[in-house]
Amino acid sequence: LVSDFLAAYPDIELELHSGDSIVDLIEHRADVAVRIGPLRDSTLHAK
């Protein structure tokens, strides 16, 4: 989906960071994470 996303939003610089464990967004300096499975952290905005 990357090509289509950057075609729609060409001024966004996208960085993809892979990891197979749930990460702390602040610690890993991630702006948004995709999580698979039930959520545990209620302090996050989730869609």
ModelCIF file with pLDDT and N, C-alpha, C, O atoms, coordinates in Angstrom:
data_MODEL
#
_entry.id   MODEL 
#
_entity.id                         1 
_entity.type                       polymer 
_entity.pdbx_number_of_molecules   1 
#
_entity_poly.entity_id                      1 
_entity_poly.type                           'polypeptide(L)' 
_entity_poly.nstd_linkage                   no 
_entity_poly.nstd_monomer                   no 
_entity_poly.pdbx_seq_one_letter_code       LVSDFLAAYPDIELELHSGDSIVDLIEHRADVAVRIGPLRDSTLHAK 
_entity_poly.pdbx_seq_one_letter_code_can   LVSDFLAAYPDIELELHSGDSIVDLIEHRADVAVRIGPLRDSTLHAK 
_entity_poly.pdbx_strand_id                 A 
#
loop_
_entity_poly_seq.entity_id 
_entity_poly_seq.num 
_entity_poly_seq.mon_id 
_entity_poly_seq.hetero 
1 1  LEU n 
1 2  VAL n 
1 3  SER n 
1 4  ASP n 
1 5  PHE n 
1 6  LEU n 
1 7  ALA n 
1 8  ALA n 
1 9  TYR n 
1 10 PRO n 
1 11 ASP n 
1 12 ILE n 
1 13 GLU n 
1 14 LEU n 
1 15 GLU n 
1 16 LEU n 
1 17 HIS n 
1 18 SER n 
1 19 GLY n 
1 20 ASP n 
1 21 SER n 
1 22 ILE n 
1 23 VAL n 
1 24 ASP n 
1 25 LEU n 
1 26 ILE n 
1 27 GLU n 
1 28 HIS n 
1 29 ARG n 
1 30 ALA n 
1 31 ASP n 
1 32 VAL n 
1 33 ALA n 
1 34 VAL n 
1 35 ARG n 
1 36 ILE n 
1 37 GLY n 
1 38 PRO n 
1 39 LEU n 
1 40 ARG n 
1 41 ASP n 
1 42 SER n 
1 43 THR n 
1 44 LEU n 
1 45 HIS n 
1 46 ALA n 
1 47 LYS n 
#
_struct_asym.id          A 
_struct_asym.entity_id   1 
#
loop_
_ma_qa_metric.id 
_ma_qa_metric.mode 
_ma_qa_metric.name 
_ma_qa_metric.software_group_id 
_ma_qa_metric.type 
1 global pLDDT . pLDDT 
2 local  pLDDT . pLDDT 
#
_ma_qa_metric_global.metric_id      1 
_ma_qa_metric_global.metric_value   78.64 
_ma_qa_metric_global.model_id       1 
_ma_qa_metric_global.ordinal_id     1 
#
loop_
_ma_qa_metric_local.label_asym_id 
_ma_qa_metric_local.label_comp_id 
_ma_qa_metric_local.label_seq_id 
_ma_qa_metric_local.metric_id 
_ma_qa_metric_local.metric_value 
_ma_qa_metric_local.model_id 
_ma_qa_metric_local.ordinal_id 
A LEU 1  2 95.00 1 1  
A VAL 2  2 96.00 1 2  
A SER 3  2 95.00 1 3  
A ASP 4  2 94.00 1 4  
A PHE 5  2 94.00 1 5  
A LEU 6  2 93.00 1 6  
A ALA 7  2 92.00 1 7  
A ALA 8  2 90.00 1 8  
A TYR 9  2 90.00 1 9  
A PRO 10 2 92.00 1 10 
A ASP 11 2 90.00 1 11 
A ILE 12 2 91.00 1 12 
A GLU 13 2 92.00 1 13 
A LEU 14 2 94.00 1 14 
A GLU 15 2 93.00 1 15 
A LEU 16 2 94.00 1 16 
A HIS 17 2 89.00 1 17 
A SER 18 2 85.00 1 18 
A GLY 19 2 71.00 1 19 
A ASP 20 2 57.00 1 20 
A SER 21 2 57.00 1 21 
A ILE 22 2 54.00 1 22 
A VAL 23 2 50.00 1 23 
A ASP 24 2 55.00 1 24 
A LEU 25 2 56.00 1 25 
A ILE 26 2 51.00 1 26 
A GLU 27 2 51.00 1 27 
A HIS 28 2 58.00 1 28 
A ARG 29 2 70.00 1 29 
A ALA 30 2 79.00 1 30 
A ASP 31 2 86.00 1 31 
A VAL 32 2 89.00 1 32 
A ALA 33 2 88.00 1 33 
A VAL 34 2 91.00 1 34 
A ARG 35 2 88.00 1 35 
A ILE 36 2 87.00 1 36 
A GLY 37 2 83.00 1 37 
A PRO 38 2 79.00 1 38 
A LEU 39 2 76.00 1 39 
A ARG 40 2 70.00 1 40 
A ASP 41 2 60.00 1 41 
A SER 42 2 58.00 1 42 
A THR 43 2 61.00 1 43 
A LEU 44 2 69.00 1 44 
A HIS 45 2 77.00 1 45 
A ALA 46 2 81.00 1 46 
A LYS 47 2 85.00 1 47 
#
loop_
_atom_site.group_PDB 
_atom_site.id 
_atom_site.type_symbol 
_atom_site.label_atom_id 
_atom_site.label_alt_id 
_atom_site.label_comp_id 
_atom_site.label_asym_id 
_atom_site.label_entity_id 
_atom_site.label_seq_id 
_atom_site.pdbx_PDB_ins_code 
_atom_site.Cartn_x 
_atom_site.Cartn_y 
_atom_site.Cartn_z 
_atom_site.occupancy 
_atom_site.B_iso_or_equiv 
_atom_site.pdbx_formal_charge 
_atom_site.auth_seq_id 
_atom_site.auth_comp_id 
_atom_site.auth_asym_id 
_atom_site.auth_atom_id 
_atom_site.pdbx_PDB_model_num 
ATOM 1   N N  . LEU A 1 1  ? 0.805  -1.226 0.000  1.00 95.00 ? 1  LEU A N  1 
ATOM 2   C CA . LEU A 1 1  ? 0.000  0.000  0.000  1.00 95.00 ? 1  LEU A CA 1 
ATOM 3   C C  . LEU A 1 1  ? 0.839  1.278  0.000  1.00 95.00 ? 1  LEU A C  1 
ATOM 4   O O  . LEU A 1 1  ? 0.300  2.372  -0.163 1.00 95.00 ? 1  LEU A O  1 
ATOM 5   N N  . VAL A 1 2  ? 2.147  1.145  0.181  1.00 96.00 ? 2  VAL A N  1 
ATOM 6   C CA . VAL A 1 2  ? 2.996  2.333  0.343  1.00 96.00 ? 2  VAL A CA 1 
ATOM 7   C C  . VAL A 1 2  ? 2.927  3.257  -0.858 1.00 96.00 ? 2  VAL A C  1 
ATOM 8   O O  . VAL A 1 2  ? 2.795  4.470  -0.692 1.00 96.00 ? 2  VAL A O  1 
ATOM 9   N N  . SER A 1 3  ? 3.012  2.715  -2.056 1.00 95.00 ? 3  SER A N  1 
ATOM 10  C CA . SER A 1 3  ? 3.021  3.564  -3.262 1.00 95.00 ? 3  SER A CA 1 
ATOM 11  C C  . SER A 1 3  ? 1.742  4.388  -3.371 1.00 95.00 ? 3  SER A C  1 
ATOM 12  O O  . SER A 1 3  ? 1.790  5.577  -3.685 1.00 95.00 ? 3  SER A O  1 
ATOM 13  N N  . ASP A 1 4  ? 0.607  3.758  -3.113 1.00 94.00 ? 4  ASP A N  1 
ATOM 14  C CA . ASP A 1 4  ? -0.664 4.482  -3.196 1.00 94.00 ? 4  ASP A CA 1 
ATOM 15  C C  . ASP A 1 4  ? -0.764 5.549  -2.106 1.00 94.00 ? 4  ASP A C  1 
ATOM 16  O O  . ASP A 1 4  ? -1.272 6.644  -2.347 1.00 94.00 ? 4  ASP A O  1 
ATOM 17  N N  . PHE A 1 5  ? -0.276 5.222  -0.906 1.00 94.00 ? 5  PHE A N  1 
ATOM 18  C CA . PHE A 1 5  ? -0.345 6.197  0.184  1.00 94.00 ? 5  PHE A CA 1 
ATOM 19  C C  . PHE A 1 5  ? 0.512  7.425  -0.131 1.00 94.00 ? 5  PHE A C  1 
ATOM 20  O O  . PHE A 1 5  ? 0.070  8.557  0.061  1.00 94.00 ? 5  PHE A O  1 
ATOM 21  N N  . LEU A 1 6  ? 1.724  7.202  -0.608 1.00 93.00 ? 6  LEU A N  1 
ATOM 22  C CA . LEU A 1 6  ? 2.610  8.336  -0.911 1.00 93.00 ? 6  LEU A CA 1 
ATOM 23  C C  . LEU A 1 6  ? 2.139  9.106  -2.135 1.00 93.00 ? 6  LEU A C  1 
ATOM 24  O O  . LEU A 1 6  ? 2.432  10.295 -2.267 1.00 93.00 ? 6  LEU A O  1 
ATOM 25  N N  . ALA A 1 7  ? 1.415  8.446  -3.031 1.00 92.00 ? 7  ALA A N  1 
ATOM 26  C CA . ALA A 1 7  ? 0.835  9.175  -4.160 1.00 92.00 ? 7  ALA A CA 1 
ATOM 27  C C  . ALA A 1 7  ? -0.258 10.118 -3.673 1.00 92.00 ? 7  ALA A C  1 
ATOM 28  O O  . ALA A 1 7  ? -0.426 11.214 -4.209 1.00 92.00 ? 7  ALA A O  1 
ATOM 29  N N  . ALA A 1 8  ? -1.007 9.684  -2.643 1.00 90.00 ? 8  ALA A N  1 
ATOM 30  C CA . ALA A 1 8  ? -2.066 10.532 -2.083 1.00 90.00 ? 8  ALA A CA 1 
ATOM 31  C C  . ALA A 1 8  ? -1.508 11.622 -1.185 1.00 90.00 ? 8  ALA A C  1 
ATOM 32  O O  . ALA A 1 8  ? -2.060 12.720 -1.120 1.00 90.00 ? 8  ALA A O  1 
ATOM 33  N N  . TYR A 1 9  ? -0.397 11.320 -0.480 1.00 90.00 ? 9  TYR A N  1 
ATOM 34  C CA . TYR A 1 9  ? 0.202  12.274 0.463  1.00 90.00 ? 9  TYR A CA 1 
ATOM 35  C C  . TYR A 1 9  ? 1.704  12.365 0.201  1.00 90.00 ? 9  TYR A C  1 
ATOM 36  O O  . TYR A 1 9  ? 2.503  11.842 0.978  1.00 90.00 ? 9  TYR A O  1 
ATOM 37  N N  . PRO A 1 10 ? 2.088  13.022 -0.883 1.00 92.00 ? 10 PRO A N  1 
ATOM 38  C CA . PRO A 1 10 ? 3.500  13.016 -1.311 1.00 92.00 ? 10 PRO A CA 1 
ATOM 39  C C  . PRO A 1 10 ? 4.454  13.746 -0.371 1.00 92.00 ? 10 PRO A C  1 
ATOM 40  O O  . PRO A 1 10 ? 5.666  13.545 -0.456 1.00 92.00 ? 10 PRO A O  1 
ATOM 41  N N  . ASP A 1 11 ? 3.944  14.581 0.514  1.00 90.00 ? 11 ASP A N  1 
ATOM 42  C CA . ASP A 1 11 ? 4.825  15.345 1.392  1.00 90.00 ? 11 ASP A CA 1 
ATOM 43  C C  . ASP A 1 11 ? 5.072  14.653 2.728  1.00 90.00 ? 11 ASP A C  1 
ATOM 44  O O  . ASP A 1 11 ? 5.785  15.188 3.578  1.00 90.00 ? 11 ASP A O  1 
ATOM 45  N N  . ILE A 1 12 ? 4.498  13.484 2.922  1.00 91.00 ? 12 ILE A N  1 
ATOM 46  C CA . ILE A 1 12 ? 4.761  12.713 4.139  1.00 91.00 ? 12 ILE A CA 1 
ATOM 47  C C  . ILE A 1 12 ? 5.983  11.825 3.923  1.00 91.00 ? 12 ILE A C  1 
ATOM 48  O O  . ILE A 1 12 ? 6.076  11.110 2.926  1.00 91.00 ? 12 ILE A O  1 
ATOM 49  N N  . GLU A 1 13 ? 6.915  11.881 4.868  1.00 92.00 ? 13 GLU A N  1 
ATOM 50  C CA . GLU A 1 13 ? 8.092  11.006 4.842  1.00 92.00 ? 13 GLU A CA 1 
ATOM 51  C C  . GLU A 1 13 ? 7.788  9.800  5.723  1.00 92.00 ? 13 GLU A C  1 
ATOM 52  O O  . GLU A 1 13 ? 7.727  9.916  6.947  1.00 92.00 ? 13 GLU A O  1 
ATOM 53  N N  . LEU A 1 14 ? 7.602  8.659  5.104  1.00 94.00 ? 14 LEU A N  1 
ATOM 54  C CA . LEU A 1 14 ? 7.156  7.461  5.821  1.00 94.00 ? 14 LEU A CA 1 
ATOM 55  C C  . LEU A 1 14 ? 8.350  6.615  6.251  1.00 94.00 ? 14 LEU A C  1 
ATOM 56  O O  . LEU A 1 14 ? 9.232  6.304  5.451  1.00 94.00 ? 14 LEU A O  1 
ATOM 57  N N  . GLU A 1 15 ? 8.358  6.247  7.544  1.00 93.00 ? 15 GLU A N  1 
ATOM 58  C CA . GLU A 1 15 ? 9.352  5.317  8.072  1.00 93.00 ? 15 GLU A CA 1 
ATOM 59  C C  . GLU A 1 15 ? 8.623  4.099  8.618  1.00 93.00 ? 15 GLU A C  1 
ATOM 60  O O  . GLU A 1 15 ? 7.724  4.231  9.449  1.00 93.00 ? 15 GLU A O  1 
ATOM 61  N N  . LEU A 1 16 ? 9.007  2.911  8.154  1.00 94.00 ? 16 LEU A N  1 
ATOM 62  C CA . LEU A 1 16 ? 8.399  1.668  8.619  1.00 94.00 ? 16 LEU A CA 1 
ATOM 63  C C  . LEU A 1 16 ? 9.396  0.933  9.506  1.00 94.00 ? 16 LEU A C  1 
ATOM 64  O O  . LEU A 1 16 ? 10.495 0.586  9.071  1.00 94.00 ? 16 LEU A O  1 
ATOM 65  N N  . HIS A 1 17 ? 9.000  0.700  10.751 1.00 89.00 ? 17 HIS A N  1 
ATOM 66  C CA . HIS A 1 17 ? 9.857  -0.002 11.701 1.00 89.00 ? 17 HIS A CA 1 
ATOM 67  C C  . HIS A 1 17 ? 9.180  -1.323 12.070 1.00 89.00 ? 17 HIS A C  1 
ATOM 68  O O  . HIS A 1 17 ? 8.054  -1.332 12.567 1.00 89.00 ? 17 HIS A O  1 
ATOM 69  N N  . SER A 1 18 ? 9.868  -2.428 11.824 1.00 85.00 ? 18 SER A N  1 
ATOM 70  C CA . SER A 1 18 ? 9.277  -3.735 12.093 1.00 85.00 ? 18 SER A CA 1 
ATOM 71  C C  . SER A 1 18 ? 9.727  -4.259 13.445 1.00 85.00 ? 18 SER A C  1 
ATOM 72  O O  . SER A 1 18 ? 10.845 -4.006 13.893 1.00 85.00 ? 18 SER A O  1 
ATOM 73  N N  . GLY A 1 19 ? 8.830  -4.995 14.079 1.00 71.00 ? 19 GLY A N  1 
ATOM 74  C CA . GLY A 1 19 ? 9.122  -5.639 15.349 1.00 71.00 ? 19 GLY A CA 1 
ATOM 75  C C  . GLY A 1 19 ? 7.983  -6.585 15.661 1.00 71.00 ? 19 GLY A C  1 
ATOM 76  O O  . GLY A 1 19 ? 6.825  -6.289 15.367 1.00 71.00 ? 19 GLY A O  1 
ATOM 77  N N  . ASP A 1 20 ? 8.306  -7.715 16.252 1.00 57.00 ? 20 ASP A N  1 
ATOM 78  C CA . ASP A 1 20 ? 7.277  -8.717 16.498 1.00 57.00 ? 20 ASP A CA 1 
ATOM 79  C C  . ASP A 1 20 ? 6.790  -8.725 17.938 1.00 57.00 ? 20 ASP A C  1 
ATOM 80  O O  . ASP A 1 20 ? 6.059  -9.631 18.338 1.00 57.00 ? 20 ASP A O  1 
ATOM 81  N N  . SER A 1 21 ? 7.187  -7.720 18.727 1.00 57.00 ? 21 SER A N  1 
ATOM 82  C CA . SER A 1 21 ? 6.674  -7.592 20.094 1.00 57.00 ? 21 SER A CA 1 
ATOM 83  C C  . SER A 1 21 ? 5.986  -6.245 20.218 1.00 57.00 ? 21 SER A C  1 
ATOM 84  O O  . SER A 1 21 ? 6.262  -5.328 19.445 1.00 57.00 ? 21 SER A O  1 
ATOM 85  N N  . ILE A 1 22 ? 5.089  -6.123 21.191 1.00 54.00 ? 22 ILE A N  1 
ATOM 86  C CA . ILE A 1 22 ? 4.401  -4.855 21.432 1.00 54.00 ? 22 ILE A CA 1 
ATOM 87  C C  . ILE A 1 22 ? 5.409  -3.848 21.959 1.00 54.00 ? 22 ILE A C  1 
ATOM 88  O O  . ILE A 1 22 ? 6.166  -4.148 22.881 1.00 54.00 ? 22 ILE A O  1 
ATOM 89  N N  . VAL A 1 23 ? 5.421  -2.652 21.376 1.00 50.00 ? 23 VAL A N  1 
ATOM 90  C CA . VAL A 1 23 ? 6.432  -1.669 21.726 1.00 50.00 ? 23 VAL A CA 1 
ATOM 91  C C  . VAL A 1 23 ? 5.825  -0.520 22.515 1.00 50.00 ? 23 VAL A C  1 
ATOM 92  O O  . VAL A 1 23 ? 4.626  -0.251 22.441 1.00 50.00 ? 23 VAL A O  1 
ATOM 93  N N  . ASP A 1 24 ? 6.681  0.146  23.267 1.00 55.00 ? 24 ASP A N  1 
ATOM 94  C CA . ASP A 1 24 ? 6.321  1.395  23.914 1.00 55.00 ? 24 ASP A CA 1 
ATOM 95  C C  . ASP A 1 24 ? 6.547  2.496  22.891 1.00 55.00 ? 24 ASP A C  1 
ATOM 96  O O  . ASP A 1 24 ? 7.669  2.694  22.425 1.00 55.00 ? 24 ASP A O  1 
ATOM 97  N N  . LEU A 1 25 ? 5.491  3.208  22.541 1.00 56.00 ? 25 LEU A N  1 
ATOM 98  C CA . LEU A 1 25 ? 5.593  4.180  21.451 1.00 56.00 ? 25 LEU A CA 1 
ATOM 99  C C  . LEU A 1 25 ? 6.606  5.275  21.749 1.00 56.00 ? 25 LEU A C  1 
ATOM 100 O O  . LEU A 1 25 ? 7.372  5.672  20.871 1.00 56.00 ? 25 LEU A O  1 
ATOM 101 N N  . ILE A 1 26 ? 6.614  5.766  22.992 1.00 51.00 ? 26 ILE A N  1 
ATOM 102 C CA . ILE A 1 26 ? 7.535  6.846  23.334 1.00 51.00 ? 26 ILE A CA 1 
ATOM 103 C C  . ILE A 1 26 ? 8.970  6.340  23.320 1.00 51.00 ? 26 ILE A C  1 
ATOM 104 O O  . ILE A 1 26 ? 9.859  6.988  22.766 1.00 51.00 ? 26 ILE A O  1 
ATOM 105 N N  . GLU A 1 27 ? 9.192  5.174  23.934 1.00 51.00 ? 27 GLU A N  1 
ATOM 106 C CA . GLU A 1 27 ? 10.544 4.625  24.004 1.00 51.00 ? 27 GLU A CA 1 
ATOM 107 C C  . GLU A 1 27 ? 11.112 4.375  22.614 1.00 51.00 ? 27 GLU A C  1 
ATOM 108 O O  . GLU A 1 27 ? 12.293 4.628  22.372 1.00 51.00 ? 27 GLU A O  1 
ATOM 109 N N  . HIS A 1 28 ? 10.290 3.884  21.704 1.00 58.00 ? 28 HIS A N  1 
ATOM 110 C CA . HIS A 1 28 ? 10.759 3.563  20.358 1.00 58.00 ? 28 HIS A CA 1 
ATOM 111 C C  . HIS A 1 28 ? 10.535 4.705  19.373 1.00 58.00 ? 28 HIS A C  1 
ATOM 112 O O  . HIS A 1 28 ? 10.769 4.552  18.175 1.00 58.00 ? 28 HIS A O  1 
ATOM 113 N N  . ARG A 1 29 ? 10.083 5.847  19.878 1.00 70.00 ? 29 ARG A N  1 
ATOM 114 C CA . ARG A 1 29 ? 9.864  7.036  19.046 1.00 70.00 ? 29 ARG A CA 1 
ATOM 115 C C  . ARG A 1 29 ? 8.983  6.719  17.830 1.00 70.00 ? 29 ARG A C  1 
ATOM 116 O O  . ARG A 1 29 ? 9.237  7.190  16.722 1.00 70.00 ? 29 ARG A O  1 
ATOM 117 N N  . ALA A 1 30 ? 7.952  5.917  18.064 1.00 79.00 ? 30 ALA A N  1 
ATOM 118 C CA . ALA A 1 30 ? 6.988  5.610  17.011 1.00 79.00 ? 30 ALA A CA 1 
ATOM 119 C C  . ALA A 1 30 ? 5.806  6.563  17.133 1.00 79.00 ? 30 ALA A C  1 
ATOM 120 O O  . ALA A 1 30 ? 5.362  6.874  18.238 1.00 79.00 ? 30 ALA A O  1 
ATOM 121 N N  . ASP A 1 31 ? 5.301  7.024  15.994 1.00 86.00 ? 31 ASP A N  1 
ATOM 122 C CA . ASP A 1 31 ? 4.149  7.918  16.003 1.00 86.00 ? 31 ASP A CA 1 
ATOM 123 C C  . ASP A 1 31 ? 2.838  7.143  16.020 1.00 86.00 ? 31 ASP A C  1 
ATOM 124 O O  . ASP A 1 31 ? 1.860  7.564  16.639 1.00 86.00 ? 31 ASP A O  1 
ATOM 125 N N  . VAL A 1 32 ? 2.834  6.024  15.343 1.00 89.00 ? 32 VAL A N  1 
ATOM 126 C CA . VAL A 1 32 ? 1.638  5.170  15.310 1.00 89.00 ? 32 VAL A CA 1 
ATOM 127 C C  . VAL A 1 32 ? 2.107  3.723  15.178 1.00 89.00 ? 32 VAL A C  1 
ATOM 128 O O  . VAL A 1 32 ? 3.092  3.439  14.496 1.00 89.00 ? 32 VAL A O  1 
ATOM 129 N N  . ALA A 1 33 ? 1.400  2.825  15.828 1.00 88.00 ? 33 ALA A N  1 
ATOM 130 C CA . ALA A 1 33 ? 1.736  1.405  15.745 1.00 88.00 ? 33 ALA A CA 1 
ATOM 131 C C  . ALA A 1 33 ? 0.498  0.630  15.346 1.00 88.00 ? 33 ALA A C  1 
ATOM 132 O O  . ALA A 1 33 ? -0.626 1.011  15.673 1.00 88.00 ? 33 ALA A O  1 
ATOM 133 N N  . VAL A 1 34 ? 0.719  -0.456 14.638 1.00 91.00 ? 34 VAL A N  1 
ATOM 134 C CA . VAL A 1 34 ? -0.366 -1.374 14.310 1.00 91.00 ? 34 VAL A CA 1 
ATOM 135 C C  . VAL A 1 34 ? -0.213 -2.582 15.214 1.00 91.00 ? 34 VAL A C  1 
ATOM 136 O O  . VAL A 1 34 ? 0.819  -3.253 15.190 1.00 91.00 ? 34 VAL A O  1 
ATOM 137 N N  . ARG A 1 35 ? -1.232 -2.863 16.009 1.00 88.00 ? 35 ARG A N  1 
ATOM 138 C CA . ARG A 1 35 ? -1.181 -3.969 16.951 1.00 88.00 ? 35 ARG A CA 1 
ATOM 139 C C  . ARG A 1 35 ? -2.223 -5.013 16.579 1.00 88.00 ? 35 ARG A C  1 
ATOM 140 O O  . ARG A 1 35 ? -3.372 -4.696 16.273 1.00 88.00 ? 35 ARG A O  1 
ATOM 141 N N  . ILE A 1 36 ? -1.791 -6.254 16.613 1.00 87.00 ? 36 ILE A N  1 
ATOM 142 C CA . ILE A 1 36 ? -2.651 -7.379 16.269 1.00 87.00 ? 36 ILE A CA 1 
ATOM 143 C C  . ILE A 1 36 ? -2.989 -8.134 17.542 1.00 87.00 ? 36 ILE A C  1 
ATOM 144 O O  . ILE A 1 36 ? -2.095 -8.505 18.303 1.00 87.00 ? 36 ILE A O  1 
ATOM 145 N N  . GLY A 1 37 ? -4.281 -8.364 17.779 1.00 83.00 ? 37 GLY A N  1 
ATOM 146 C CA . GLY A 1 37 ? -4.723 -9.033 18.991 1.00 83.00 ? 37 GLY A CA 1 
ATOM 147 C C  . GLY A 1 37 ? -5.382 -8.060 19.949 1.00 83.00 ? 37 GLY A C  1 
ATOM 148 O O  . GLY A 1 37 ? -5.432 -6.863 19.667 1.00 83.00 ? 37 GLY A O  1 
ATOM 149 N N  . PRO A 1 38 ? -5.890 -8.543 21.076 1.00 79.00 ? 38 PRO A N  1 
ATOM 150 C CA . PRO A 1 38 ? -6.562 -7.677 22.056 1.00 79.00 ? 38 PRO A CA 1 
ATOM 151 C C  . PRO A 1 38 ? -5.629 -6.600 22.596 1.00 79.00 ? 38 PRO A C  1 
ATOM 152 O O  . PRO A 1 38 ? -4.446 -6.856 22.823 1.00 79.00 ? 38 PRO A O  1 
ATOM 153 N N  . LEU A 1 39 ? -6.156 -5.402 22.799 1.00 76.00 ? 39 LEU A N  1 
ATOM 154 C CA . LEU A 1 39 ? -5.360 -4.306 23.337 1.00 76.00 ? 39 LEU A CA 1 
ATOM 155 C C  . LEU A 1 39 ? -5.332 -4.366 24.859 1.00 76.00 ? 39 LEU A C  1 
ATOM 156 O O  . LEU A 1 39 ? -6.325 -4.723 25.494 1.00 76.00 ? 39 LEU A O  1 
ATOM 157 N N  . ARG A 1 40 ? -4.194 -4.017 25.434 1.00 70.00 ? 40 ARG A N  1 
ATOM 158 C CA . ARG A 1 40 ? -4.059 -4.004 26.886 1.00 70.00 ? 40 ARG A CA 1 
ATOM 159 C C  . ARG A 1 40 ? -3.896 -2.590 27.426 1.00 70.00 ? 40 ARG A C  1 
ATOM 160 O O  . ARG A 1 40 ? -4.290 -2.307 28.558 1.00 70.00 ? 40 ARG A O  1 
ATOM 161 N N  . ASP A 1 41 ? -3.315 -1.699 26.619 1.00 60.00 ? 41 ASP A N  1 
ATOM 162 C CA . ASP A 1 41 ? -2.975 -0.362 27.101 1.00 60.00 ? 41 ASP A CA 1 
ATOM 163 C C  . ASP A 1 41 ? -4.128 0.598  26.809 1.00 60.00 ? 41 ASP A C  1 
ATOM 164 O O  . ASP A 1 41 ? -4.356 0.963  25.656 1.00 60.00 ? 41 ASP A O  1 
ATOM 165 N N  . SER A 1 42 ? -4.850 1.004  27.843 1.00 58.00 ? 42 SER A N  1 
ATOM 166 C CA . SER A 1 42 ? -6.018 1.877  27.654 1.00 58.00 ? 42 SER A CA 1 
ATOM 167 C C  . SER A 1 42 ? -5.640 3.340  27.548 1.00 58.00 ? 42 SER A C  1 
ATOM 168 O O  . SER A 1 42 ? -6.511 4.179  27.315 1.00 58.00 ? 42 SER A O  1 
ATOM 169 N N  . THR A 1 43 ? -4.349 3.677  27.716 1.00 61.00 ? 43 THR A N  1 
ATOM 170 C CA . THR A 1 43 ? -3.939 5.081  27.662 1.00 61.00 ? 43 THR A CA 1 
ATOM 171 C C  . THR A 1 43 ? -3.741 5.563  26.231 1.00 61.00 ? 43 THR A C  1 
ATOM 172 O O  . THR A 1 43 ? -3.532 6.755  26.005 1.00 61.00 ? 43 THR A O  1 
ATOM 173 N N  . LEU A 1 44 ? -3.804 4.660  25.267 1.00 69.00 ? 44 LEU A N  1 
ATOM 174 C CA . LEU A 1 44 ? -3.565 5.023  23.883 1.00 69.00 ? 44 LEU A CA 1 
ATOM 175 C C  . LEU A 1 44 ? -4.869 5.276  23.144 1.00 69.00 ? 44 LEU A C  1 
ATOM 176 O O  . LEU A 1 44 ? -5.900 4.681  23.458 1.00 69.00 ? 44 LEU A O  1 
ATOM 177 N N  . HIS A 1 45 ? -4.813 6.158  22.167 1.00 77.00 ? 45 HIS A N  1 
ATOM 178 C CA . HIS A 1 45 ? -5.906 6.284  21.217 1.00 77.00 ? 45 HIS A CA 1 
ATOM 179 C C  . HIS A 1 45 ? -5.853 5.038  20.335 1.00 77.00 ? 45 HIS A C  1 
ATOM 180 O O  . HIS A 1 45 ? -4.770 4.624  19.921 1.00 77.00 ? 45 HIS A O  1 
ATOM 181 N N  . ALA A 1 46 ? -6.983 4.448  20.048 1.00 81.00 ? 46 ALA A N  1 
ATOM 182 C CA . ALA A 1 46 ? -7.002 3.237  19.231 1.00 81.00 ? 46 ALA A CA 1 
ATOM 183 C C  . ALA A 1 46 ? -8.127 3.300  18.217 1.00 81.00 ? 46 ALA A C  1 
ATOM 184 O O  . ALA A 1 46 ? -9.252 3.677  18.543 1.00 81.00 ? 46 ALA A O  1 
ATOM 185 N N  . LYS A 1 47 ? -7.814 2.928  16.986 1.00 85.00 ? 47 LYS A N  1 
ATOM 186 C CA . LYS A 1 47 ? -8.836 2.866  15.935 1.00 85.00 ? 47 LYS A CA 1 
ATOM 187 C C  . LYS A 1 47 ? -8.850 1.452  15.365 1.00 85.00 ? 47 LYS A C  1 
ATOM 188 O O  . LYS A 1 47 ? -9.634 1.159  14.463 1.00 85.00 ? 47 LYS A O  1 
#
